[in-house]
C-alpha atoms as a PDB file:
ATOM      1  CA  MET A   1     -11.404-125.908  22.349  1.00  0.00           C
ATOM      2  CA  GLY A   2     -10.201-126.872  18.899  1.00  0.00           C
ATOM      3  CA  LEU A   3     -11.248-125.366  15.590  1.00  0.00           C
ATOM      4  CA  ILE A   4     -13.700-128.156  14.730  1.00  0.00           C
ATOM      5  CA  GLU A   5     -15.370-127.986  18.146  1.00  0.00           C
ATOM      6  CA  PHE A   6     -15.501-124.191  17.860  1.00  0.00           C
ATOM      7  CA  LEU A   7     -17.215-124.403  14.470  1.00  0.00           C
ATOM      8  CA  ARG A   8     -19.722-126.988  15.676  1.00  0.00           C
ATOM      9  CA  ALA A   9     -20.591-124.847  18.701  1.00  0.00           C
ATOM     10  CA  ARG A  10     -21.128-121.730  16.566  1.00  0.00           C
ATOM     11  CA  LEU A  11     -23.308-123.659  14.112  1.00  0.00           C
ATOM     12  CA  ASP A  12     -25.344-124.993  17.037  1.00  0.00           C
ATOM     13  CA  GLU A  13     -25.827-121.411  18.262  1.00  0.00           C
ATOM     14  CA  ASP A  14     -26.854-120.194  14.802  1.00  0.00           C
ATOM     15  CA  ARG A  15     -29.365-123.035  14.524  1.00  0.00           C
ATOM     16  CA  ALA A  16     -30.864-122.310  17.958  1.00  0.00           C
ATOM     17  CA  VAL A  17     -31.282-118.601  17.179  1.00  0.00           C
ATOM     18  CA  ALA A  18     -32.879-119.329  13.788  1.00  0.00           C
ATOM     19  CA  GLU A  19     -35.244-121.903  15.277  1.00  0.00           C
ATOM     20  CA  ALA A  20     -36.330-119.422  17.966  1.00  0.00           C
ATOM     21  CA  ALA A  21     -37.177-116.734  15.383  1.00  0.00           C
ATOM     22  CA  PRO A  22     -40.614-116.357  13.790  1.00  0.00           C
ATOM     23  CA  ALA A  23     -41.243-118.745  10.924  1.00  0.00           C
ATOM     24  CA  GLY A  24     -40.487-117.680   7.379  1.00  0.00           C
ATOM     25  CA  PRO A  25     -40.264-117.052   4.608  1.00  0.00           C
ATOM     26  CA  TRP A  26     -39.728-113.417   5.510  1.00  0.00           C
ATOM     27  CA  LYS A  27     -40.635-110.560   3.202  1.00  0.00           C
ATOM     28  CA  ALA A  28     -39.753-106.852   3.217  1.00  0.00           C
ATOM     29  CA  ALA A  29     -42.730-104.520   2.817  1.00  0.00           C
ATOM     30  CA  PRO A  30     -43.298-100.772   3.024  1.00  0.00           C
ATOM     31  CA  GLY A  31     -44.470 -99.515   6.416  1.00  0.00           C
ATOM     32  CA  ASP A  32     -47.564 -97.431   7.031  1.00  0.00           C
ATOM     33  CA  ASP A  33     -45.594 -94.183   7.179  1.00  0.00           C
ATOM     34  CA  GLU A  34     -43.512 -92.830   4.311  1.00  0.00           C
ATOM     35  CA  GLY A  35     -39.894 -93.917   4.514  1.00  0.00           C
ATOM     36  CA  THR A  36     -40.539 -96.794   6.903  1.00  0.00           C
ATOM     37  CA  TRP A  37     -40.275-100.505   6.285  1.00  0.00           C
ATOM     38  CA  ARG A  38     -41.303-103.685   7.983  1.00  0.00           C
ATOM     39  CA  VAL A  39     -40.283-107.305   7.754  1.00  0.00           C
ATOM     40  CA  LEU A  40     -43.098-109.831   7.619  1.00  0.00           C
ATOM     41  CA  GLY A  41     -42.702-113.456   8.603  1.00  0.00           C
ATOM     42  CA  GLY A  42     -44.686-116.544   7.728  1.00  0.00           C
ATOM     43  CA  PHE A  43     -48.446-116.813   7.851  1.00  0.00           C
ATOM     44  CA  SER A  44     -50.315-117.501  11.066  1.00  0.00           C
ATOM     45  CA  THR A  45     -53.956-117.889  11.986  1.00  0.00           C
ATOM     46  CA  HIS A  46     -55.689-115.536  14.415  1.00  0.00           C
ATOM     47  CA  GLU A  47     -59.118-115.527  15.960  1.00  0.00           C
ATOM     48  CA  ARG A  48     -60.887-112.218  16.468  1.00  0.00           C
ATOM     49  CA  PHE A  49     -64.313-111.114  17.563  1.00  0.00           C
ATOM     50  CA  ASN A  50     -66.386-109.141  15.062  1.00  0.00           C
ATOM     51  CA  SER A  51     -68.683-106.935  17.139  1.00  0.00           C
ATOM     52  CA  ALA A  52     -70.720-105.886  14.092  1.00  0.00           C
ATOM     53  CA  THR A  53     -71.815-109.463  13.404  1.00  0.00           C
ATOM     54  CA  ASP A  54     -71.381-110.763  16.968  1.00  0.00           C
ATOM     55  CA  THR A  55     -69.247-113.647  15.671  1.00  0.00           C
ATOM     56  CA  ARG A  56     -65.728-114.941  15.975  1.00  0.00           C
ATOM     57  CA  GLU A  57     -63.680-114.887  12.782  1.00  0.00           C
ATOM     58  CA  ILE A  58     -60.541-116.751  11.849  1.00  0.00           C
ATOM     59  CA  THR A  59     -58.076-114.696   9.829  1.00  0.00           C
ATOM     60  CA  THR A  60     -54.727-115.537   8.313  1.00  0.00           C
ATOM     61  CA  ARG A  61     -52.012-112.936   8.060  1.00  0.00           C
ATOM     62  CA  ARG A  62     -48.276-112.580   7.958  1.00  0.00           C
ATOM     63  CA  GLU A  63     -46.646-112.036  11.334  1.00  0.00           C
ATOM     64  CA  GLU A  64     -44.761-108.775  11.641  1.00  0.00           C
ATOM     65  CA  VAL A  65     -41.158-109.620  12.501  1.00  0.00           C
ATOM     66  CA  ALA A  66     -39.885-106.037  12.564  1.00  0.00           C
ATOM     67  CA  GLY A  67     -41.992-102.941  12.131  1.00  0.00           C
ATOM     68  CA  PRO A  68     -41.335 -99.296  11.407  1.00  0.00           C
ATOM     69  CA  GLY A  69     -41.280 -98.352  15.083  1.00  0.00           C
ATOM     70  CA  LEU A  70     -40.644 -94.658  14.507  1.00  0.00           C
ATOM     71  CA  GLY A  71     -39.976 -93.917  18.164  1.00  0.00           C
ATOM     72  CA  ALA A  72     -38.464 -97.300  18.942  1.00  0.00           C
ATOM     73  CA  GLY A  73     -35.736 -97.400  16.309  1.00  0.00           C
ATOM     74  CA  GLY A  74     -37.438 -99.898  14.016  1.00  0.00           C
ATOM     75  CA  VAL A  75     -36.670-100.587  10.364  1.00  0.00           C
ATOM     76  CA  ARG A  76     -35.987 -97.217   8.784  1.00  0.00           C
ATOM     77  CA  SER A  77     -34.518 -98.235   5.432  1.00  0.00           C
ATOM     78  CA  GLU A  78     -35.547-100.474   2.585  1.00  0.00           C
ATOM     79  CA  GLY A  79     -32.030-101.913   2.439  1.00  0.00           C
ATOM     80  CA  ALA A  80     -32.167-103.035   6.071  1.00  0.00           C
ATOM     81  CA  ALA A  81     -35.612-104.588   5.628  1.00  0.00           C
ATOM     82  CA  VAL A  82     -34.581-106.437   2.465  1.00  0.00           C
ATOM     83  CA  HIS A  83     -31.383-107.645   4.163  1.00  0.00           C
ATOM     84  CA  MET A  84     -33.306-108.934   7.183  1.00  0.00           C
ATOM     85  CA  ALA A  85     -35.874-110.668   5.000  1.00  0.00           C
ATOM     86  CA  ARG A  86     -33.187-112.234   2.810  1.00  0.00           C
ATOM     87  CA  HIS A  87     -31.526-113.777   5.866  1.00  0.00           C
ATOM     88  CA  ASP A  88     -34.666-115.275   7.328  1.00  0.00           C
ATOM     89  CA  PRO A  89     -34.520-118.365   9.561  1.00  0.00           C
ATOM     90  CA  GLU A  90     -35.084-120.792   6.676  1.00  0.00           C
ATOM     91  CA  ARG A  91     -32.042-119.458   4.842  1.00  0.00           C
ATOM     92  CA  VAL A  92     -29.923-119.477   8.018  1.00  0.00           C
ATOM     93  CA  LEU A  93     -30.928-123.072   8.745  1.00  0.00           C
ATOM     94  CA  ALA A  94     -30.026-124.096   5.184  1.00  0.00           C
ATOM     95  CA  ALA A  95     -26.641-122.376   5.516  1.00  0.00           C
ATOM     96  CA  VAL A  96     -25.999-124.037   8.887  1.00  0.00           C
ATOM     97  CA  ASP A  97     -26.867-127.442   7.423  1.00  0.00           C
ATOM     98  CA  ALA A  98     -24.563-126.880   4.436  1.00  0.00           C
ATOM     99  CA  GLN A  99     -21.672-125.719   6.624  1.00  0.00           C
ATOM    100  CA  ARG A 100     -22.170-128.642   9.002  1.00  0.00           C
ATOM    101  CA  ARG A 101     -22.096-131.045   6.039  1.00  0.00           C
ATOM    102  CA  ILE A 102     -18.857-129.445   4.816  1.00  0.00           C
ATOM    103  CA  LEU A 103     -17.370-129.844   8.282  1.00  0.00           C
ATOM    104  CA  ASP A 104     -18.573-133.448   8.582  1.00  0.00           C
ATOM    105  CA  GLU A 105     -17.226-134.287   5.106  1.00  0.00           C
ATOM    106  CA  PHE A 106     -13.817-132.945   6.080  1.00  0.00           C
ATOM    107  CA  VAL A 107     -13.744-134.904   9.317  1.00  0.00           C
ATOM    108  CA  THR A 108     -14.960-138.109   7.635  1.00  0.00           C
ATOM    109  CA  SER A 109     -12.605-137.884   4.665  1.00  0.00           C
ATOM    110  CA  LEU A 110      -9.613-136.968   6.808  1.00  0.00           C
ATOM    111  CA  THR A 111     -10.297-139.784   9.236  1.00  0.00           C
ATOM    112  CA  GLN A 112     -10.679-142.258   6.354  1.00  0.00           C
ATOM    113  CA  ARG A 113      -7.575-140.939   4.600  1.00  0.00           C
ATOM    114  CA  ASP A 114      -5.509-141.165   7.775  1.00  0.00           C
ATOM    115  CA  LYS A 115      -6.711-144.729   8.381  1.00  0.00           C
ATOM    116  CA  GLU A 116      -5.906-145.801   4.806  1.00  0.00           C
ATOM    117  CA  ASN A 117      -2.482-144.137   4.886  1.00  0.00           C
ATOM    118  CA  ASP A 118      -1.655-145.677   8.253  1.00  0.00           C
ATOM    119  CA  GLU A 119      -2.590-149.140   6.972  1.00  0.00           C
ATOM    120  CA  THR A 120      -0.944-148.780   3.552  1.00  0.00           C
ATOM    121  CA  PHE A 121       2.150-146.731   4.266  1.00  0.00           C
ATOM    122  CA  GLY A 122       2.614-147.096   8.004  1.00  0.00           C
ATOM    123  CA  LEU A 123       2.050-143.374   8.513  1.00  0.00           C
ATOM    124  CA  THR A 124       0.979-142.438  12.003  1.00  0.00           C
ATOM    125  CA  ASP A 125       1.367-138.654  11.973  1.00  0.00           C
ATOM    126  CA  TRP A 126      -0.602-137.642   8.881  1.00  0.00           C
ATOM    127  CA  ASN A 127      -1.290-133.914   8.986  1.00  0.00           C
ATOM    128  CA  PHE A 128      -4.442-132.565   7.330  1.00  0.00           C
ATOM    129  CA  GLU A 129      -3.166-128.969   7.382  1.00  0.00           C
ATOM    130  CA  PRO A 130      -2.199-128.646   3.708  1.00  0.00           C
ATOM    131  CA  THR A 131      -5.766-129.048   2.463  1.00  0.00           C
ATOM    132  CA  ALA A 132      -8.396-128.864   5.164  1.00  0.00           C
ATOM    133  CA  LEU A 133      -7.112-126.421   7.735  1.00  0.00           C
ATOM    134  CA  PRO A 134      -7.175-123.326   5.477  1.00  0.00           C
ATOM    135  CA  LEU A 135     -10.759-124.118   4.467  1.00  0.00           C
ATOM    136  CA  LEU A 136     -11.864-124.746   8.049  1.00  0.00           C
ATOM    137  CA  ARG A 137     -10.244-121.451   9.050  1.00  0.00           C
ATOM    138  CA  LEU A 138     -12.307-119.711   6.372  1.00  0.00           C
ATOM    139  CA  LEU A 139     -15.486-121.301   7.753  1.00  0.00           C
ATOM    140  CA  ALA A 140     -14.563-119.916  11.191  1.00  0.00           C
ATOM    141  CA  LEU A 141     -13.757-116.399   9.975  1.00  0.00           C
ATOM    142  CA  PRO A 142     -17.330-115.025  10.275  1.00  0.00           C
ATOM    143  CA  TYR A 143     -17.103-115.866  13.990  1.00  0.00           C
ATOM    144  CA  ALA A 144     -13.828-113.969  14.557  1.00  0.00           C
ATOM    145  CA  ASP A 145     -15.617-111.614  16.970  1.00  0.00           C
ATOM    146  CA  HIS A 146     -16.565-114.515  19.270  1.00  0.00           C
ATOM    147  CA  PRO A 147     -14.585-114.647  22.544  1.00  0.00           C
ATOM    148  CA  ASP A 148     -13.561-118.282  21.917  1.00  0.00           C
ATOM    149  CA  TYR A 149     -12.102-117.503  18.478  1.00  0.00           C
ATOM    150  CA  GLN A 150      -8.333-117.910  18.448  1.00  0.00           C
ATOM    151  CA  ASP A 151      -6.166-115.548  16.410  1.00  0.00           C
ATOM    152  CA  GLU A 152      -4.068-118.476  15.162  1.00  0.00           C
ATOM    153  CA  TRP A 153      -7.134-119.617  13.199  1.00  0.00           C
ATOM    154  CA  ARG A 154      -7.171-116.410  11.163  1.00  0.00           C
ATOM    155  CA  PRO A 155      -6.382-117.238   7.517  1.00  0.00           C
END
């Protein structure tokens, strides 16, 4: 697997994980108990039965993405809750789209440049390493812990 294929595969994984997560935007909020925090997702509609009025009611509320969970190791710090909320699925999807566009721009411009140089100067072995490879390696760096990451890609 080459660097470009590696990057595309990681971006595909990031997109799939973000799309599977509860909708955003996410928001950090204090939990019910002192010192606890929760992360709330986007709004959703729920139907509930009101026994006092013997009617069904439709309510809208934010979905809880991560709660305090005192015994279950939930969100125990404001910093963690704010961090989680800041990196909600909408933001991850925007980052994936931007990185994919950067990758596609590199591939398109390098392919076009190689074609023009081959036609104009008769070059057949044009190497994109001087400009693109260091930047592509930087895009791959956050994935250095992935088993398919190759040490030779490290900047």
